[in-house]
Amino acid sequence: MDNRDLELLQAIQLILDPLKDDVKDLKDDMKDVKERLTIVEDETKRTALIIENRIEPKLNMLYDGYMPLVEKVRYVPEDIANLTERVEILEFTHKQMAAIIKEKLGV
């Protein structure tokens, strides 16, 4: 091997040595990222279980209790209209009956 080849190899080594450190740093960083990703995945699984086992049943119970109320409230305006009509009829009938009674009593 002549000097020129030796110089070329040394130049290549000078380029590769810092790259080795960069690769090592990248591997270390990737290890940290993998650990953090595992933590996030575990936390996500725990959160999903909490939602599924604790929160969802409570929401279902709330919904089950709420829907009958919604059905009842849906007909309230109709019921009020019917009651108003009945009260008006009763008032009219009461006035008519009062007039008839007054007439018969001569008042």
Protein backbone atom coordinates (compact mmCIF):
# COMPACT_ATOMS: atom_id res chain seq x y z
CA MET A 1 0.00 0.00 0.00
CA ASP A 2 1.48 3.32 -0.95
CA ASN A 3 1.30 6.63 0.90
CA ARG A 4 -1.49 7.91 -1.27
CA ASP A 5 -3.76 4.96 -0.34
CA LEU A 6 -2.81 5.36 3.31
CA GLU A 7 -3.69 9.07 3.21
CA LEU A 8 -6.99 8.25 1.54
CA LEU A 9 -7.82 5.68 4.22
CA GLN A 10 -6.92 8.16 6.96
CA ALA A 11 -9.17 10.78 5.35
CA ILE A 12 -12.00 8.29 5.18
CA GLN A 13 -11.40 7.36 8.82
CA LEU A 14 -11.53 11.05 9.80
CA ILE A 15 -14.94 11.29 8.13
CA LEU A 16 -16.28 8.03 9.56
CA ASP A 17 -15.18 8.52 13.18
CA PRO A 18 -17.58 11.43 13.86
CA LEU A 19 -20.31 9.49 12.05
CA LYS A 20 -19.85 6.59 14.45
CA ASP A 21 -20.50 8.96 17.35
CA ASP A 22 -23.56 10.36 15.58
CA VAL A 23 -24.89 6.86 14.99
CA LYS A 24 -24.33 6.01 18.66
CA ASP A 25 -26.15 9.20 19.69
CA LEU A 26 -29.02 8.34 17.36
CA LYS A 27 -29.26 4.85 18.81
CA ASP A 28 -29.36 6.30 22.32
CA ASP A 29 -32.03 8.79 21.28
CA MET A 30 -34.08 6.04 19.65
CA LYS A 31 -33.87 3.98 22.82
CA ASP A 32 -35.23 6.95 24.78
CA VAL A 33 -38.00 7.49 22.21
CA LYS A 34 -38.98 3.81 22.37
CA GLU A 35 -39.15 3.94 26.18
CA ARG A 36 -41.28 7.07 26.09
CA LEU A 37 -43.53 5.57 23.41
CA THR A 38 -44.03 2.49 25.59
CA ILE A 39 -45.04 4.75 28.48
CA VAL A 40 -47.53 6.60 26.24
CA GLU A 41 -48.97 3.33 24.95
CA ASP A 42 -49.39 2.00 28.50
CA GLU A 43 -51.04 5.22 29.62
CA THR A 44 -53.37 5.12 26.61
CA LYS A 45 -54.38 1.55 27.44
CA ARG A 46 -55.05 2.51 31.07
CA THR A 47 -57.10 5.50 29.99
CA ALA A 48 -59.12 3.36 27.57
CA LEU A 49 -59.82 0.84 30.35
CA ILE A 50 -60.91 3.60 32.73
CA ILE A 51 -63.26 4.99 30.10
CA GLU A 52 -64.62 1.55 29.27
CA ASN A 53 -65.01 0.26 32.82
CA ARG A 54 -65.80 3.35 34.89
CA ILE A 55 -67.01 6.22 32.76
CA GLU A 56 -69.01 4.47 30.04
CA PRO A 57 -71.30 2.58 32.47
CA LYS A 58 -72.03 5.82 34.33
CA LEU A 59 -72.82 7.60 31.07
CA ASN A 60 -75.13 4.76 30.08
CA MET A 61 -76.93 4.96 33.43
CA LEU A 62 -77.24 8.72 33.06
CA TYR A 63 -78.61 8.29 29.54
CA ASP A 64 -81.04 5.59 30.66
CA GLY A 65 -82.38 7.91 33.37
CA TYR A 66 -82.45 10.94 31.09
CA MET A 67 -84.36 9.49 28.14
CA PRO A 68 -87.64 8.84 30.00
CA LEU A 69 -87.55 12.46 31.18
CA VAL A 70 -87.05 13.63 27.62
CA GLU A 71 -90.07 11.62 26.54
CA LYS A 72 -92.18 13.13 29.33
CA VAL A 73 -91.05 16.68 28.57
CA ARG A 74 -91.70 16.21 24.87
CA TYR A 75 -95.47 16.12 25.53
CA VAL A 76 -95.62 18.91 28.12
CA PRO A 77 -96.65 21.66 25.63
CA GLU A 78 -99.46 19.42 24.35
CA ASP A 79 -100.60 18.67 27.89
CA ILE A 80 -100.58 22.38 28.75
CA ALA A 81 -102.63 23.18 25.66
CA ASN A 82 -105.15 20.48 26.57
CA LEU A 83 -105.39 21.72 30.16
CA THR A 84 -105.81 25.33 29.00
CA GLU A 85 -108.63 24.26 26.71
CA ARG A 86 -110.33 22.34 29.52
CA VAL A 87 -110.02 25.29 31.90
CA GLU A 88 -111.57 27.58 29.30
CA ILE A 89 -114.45 25.15 28.83
CA LEU A 90 -114.95 24.91 32.61
CA GLU A 91 -114.91 28.69 32.97
CA PHE A 92 -117.43 29.07 30.17
CA THR A 93 -119.65 26.36 31.66
CA HIS A 94 -119.36 27.94 35.10
CA LYS A 95 -120.46 31.34 33.76
CA GLN A 96 -123.38 29.75 31.91
CA MET A 97 -124.47 27.81 34.98
CA ALA A 98 -124.10 30.88 37.20
CA ALA A 99 -126.25 32.88 34.81
CA ILE A 100 -128.92 30.18 34.77
CA ILE A 101 -128.91 29.95 38.58
CA LYS A 102 -129.16 33.74 38.94
CA GLU A 103 -132.03 33.80 36.45
CA LYS A 104 -133.94 31.12 38.33
CA LEU A 105 -133.35 32.76 41.67
CA GLY A 106 -134.29 36.13 40.29
CA VAL A 107 -131.09 37.74 41.33
